[in-house]
Protein backbone atom coordinates (compact mmCIF):
# COMPACT_ATOMS: atom_id res chain seq x y z
CA MET A 1 64.98 80.12 -20.68
CA SER A 2 61.27 77.40 -21.29
CA LEU A 3 63.13 76.50 -24.96
CA LEU A 4 66.50 75.26 -23.15
CA MET A 5 64.20 73.16 -20.68
CA ALA A 6 62.17 71.70 -23.17
CA ASP A 7 64.96 70.62 -24.76
CA PHE A 8 66.62 69.83 -21.50
CA ALA A 9 62.92 67.59 -20.54
CA GLY A 10 63.60 66.16 -24.29
CA ALA A 11 66.35 65.20 -24.16
CA VAL A 12 65.99 63.49 -20.51
CA ASN A 13 62.55 61.80 -23.18
CA GLN A 14 65.35 60.73 -25.23
CA LEU A 15 67.79 58.71 -22.97
CA ALA A 16 65.07 57.46 -21.07
CA SER A 17 64.22 55.91 -23.90
CA PHE A 18 67.16 54.67 -25.35
CA ALA A 19 68.05 53.49 -21.22
CA ALA A 20 64.77 51.79 -21.33
CA ILE A 21 65.07 49.64 -24.19
CA ALA A 22 69.00 48.85 -23.12
CA LEU A 23 66.75 47.79 -20.13
CA ILE A 24 64.89 45.80 -21.69
CA PHE A 25 67.69 44.36 -23.79
CA GLU A 26 69.13 43.17 -21.21
CA VAL A 27 67.23 41.44 -19.16
CA SER A 28 66.04 39.58 -22.63
CA LEU A 29 69.63 38.69 -23.65
CA ILE A 30 69.35 37.53 -19.57
CA VAL A 31 66.33 34.63 -19.86
CA ILE A 32 67.72 33.95 -23.54
CA LEU A 33 70.82 32.38 -22.29
CA PHE A 34 68.78 30.87 -18.33
CA ALA A 35 66.25 29.27 -21.31
CA ALA A 36 69.55 28.26 -23.41
CA LEU A 37 71.08 26.42 -20.07
CA ALA A 38 68.47 25.20 -18.43
CA ILE A 39 67.66 23.44 -22.14
CA GLY A 40 71.45 22.09 -22.37
CA LEU A 41 70.95 20.74 -18.71
CA ALA A 42 67.70 19.24 -20.14
CA LEU A 43 69.90 17.82 -22.66
CA LEU A 44 72.77 16.64 -20.75
CA ALA A 45 70.04 14.85 -18.43
CA ARG A 46 68.80 12.79 -21.00
CA TRP A 47 71.58 11.89 -22.34
CA LEU A 48 73.11 10.35 -18.67
CA GLN A 49 69.54 9.00 -18.42
CA GLN A 50 70.20 6.86 -22.19
CA LYS A 51 73.63 6.28 -22.25
CA LEU A 52 74.99 5.86 -18.66
CA ILE A 53 72.28 5.57 -16.27
CA GLY A 54 70.30 2.94 -18.17
CA PRO A 55 73.03 0.79 -19.15
CA ILE A 56 74.16 0.48 -15.18
CA GLN A 57 69.96 -0.47 -14.72
CA ALA A 58 70.24 -2.86 -17.28
CA ALA A 59 73.35 -4.10 -15.85
CA ALA A 60 72.13 -3.96 -12.27
CA PRO A 61 70.53 -8.17 -11.59
CA ALA A 62 73.39 -9.44 -13.61
CA THR A 63 76.23 -7.53 -10.91
CA HIS A 64 74.02 -8.42 -9.01
CA ASN A 65 73.78 -12.08 -8.86
CA LEU A 66 78.25 -11.91 -9.96
CA SER A 67 78.61 -10.13 -6.49
CA SER A 68 76.17 -12.66 -4.52
CA LYS A 69 78.25 -15.33 -5.82
CA ILE A 70 81.59 -14.05 -4.49
CA ASP A 71 79.91 -12.95 -1.24
CA ARG A 72 79.09 -17.06 -1.42
CA ILE A 73 83.21 -18.11 -2.31
CA SER A 74 85.01 -15.35 0.11
CA GLY A 75 83.23 -17.25 2.32
CA LYS A 76 84.12 -20.39 1.85
CA VAL A 77 87.76 -19.39 0.84
CA ILE A 78 88.12 -17.92 4.70
CA ASP A 79 86.63 -20.95 5.80
CA VAL A 80 88.82 -22.98 3.80
CA VAL A 81 91.96 -20.96 5.85
CA VAL A 82 90.52 -21.11 9.07
CA GLU A 83 90.18 -24.31 9.25
CA PHE A 84 94.11 -23.96 7.48
CA HIS A 85 95.58 -22.75 10.59
CA SER A 86 93.15 -24.38 13.37
CA ARG A 87 94.80 -28.19 11.69
CA ARG A 88 98.42 -26.15 11.63
CA ALA A 89 97.61 -25.15 15.60
CA GLN A 90 96.61 -29.26 16.24
CA VAL A 91 99.66 -30.52 15.13
CA THR A 92 101.91 -27.77 16.73
CA ALA A 93 100.83 -28.54 19.63
CA ILE A 94 100.21 -32.30 19.02
CA THR A 95 104.62 -32.15 18.00
CA ASN A 96 105.08 -30.02 20.94
CA ILE A 97 103.86 -32.90 23.16
CA ILE A 98 105.35 -35.55 21.45
CA LEU A 99 109.11 -33.87 21.45
CA ASN A 100 108.63 -32.98 25.40
CA TYR A 101 107.76 -36.69 26.01
CA LEU A 102 110.25 -37.84 23.71
CA LEU A 103 113.14 -35.22 24.92
CA PRO A 104 111.48 -33.38 27.82
CA PRO A 105 113.54 -30.49 28.64
CA ASP A 106 117.18 -30.51 31.25
CA GLU A 107 116.25 -29.66 34.05
CA SER A 108 119.27 -27.50 33.80
CA ASP A 109 118.26 -25.27 31.62
CA GLN A 110 115.13 -24.37 33.88
CA ASP A 111 117.16 -22.26 36.60
């Protein structure tokens, strides 16, 4: 009986060793995968800094100048449109006054 227990204990010990090796292998694989992911993200961040963010930051002053020019031009256009509509309203009002003075409305039309 003790020989059978010794064999069983040896088998359990060997299975525990295999399980420990497998666990170490799995944990090592997960660590390697996370390290690869971290390296990939670092490379992506560097590439984005060089290829995308750098040129955008270089073009920012010119873009700001262009934006301020567009603001000034659009303000001038709005002023011209407002001036045009106010002059049009003045002309319409003066024309109505002159036409009402020259051609007064009939008294019969108002009834």
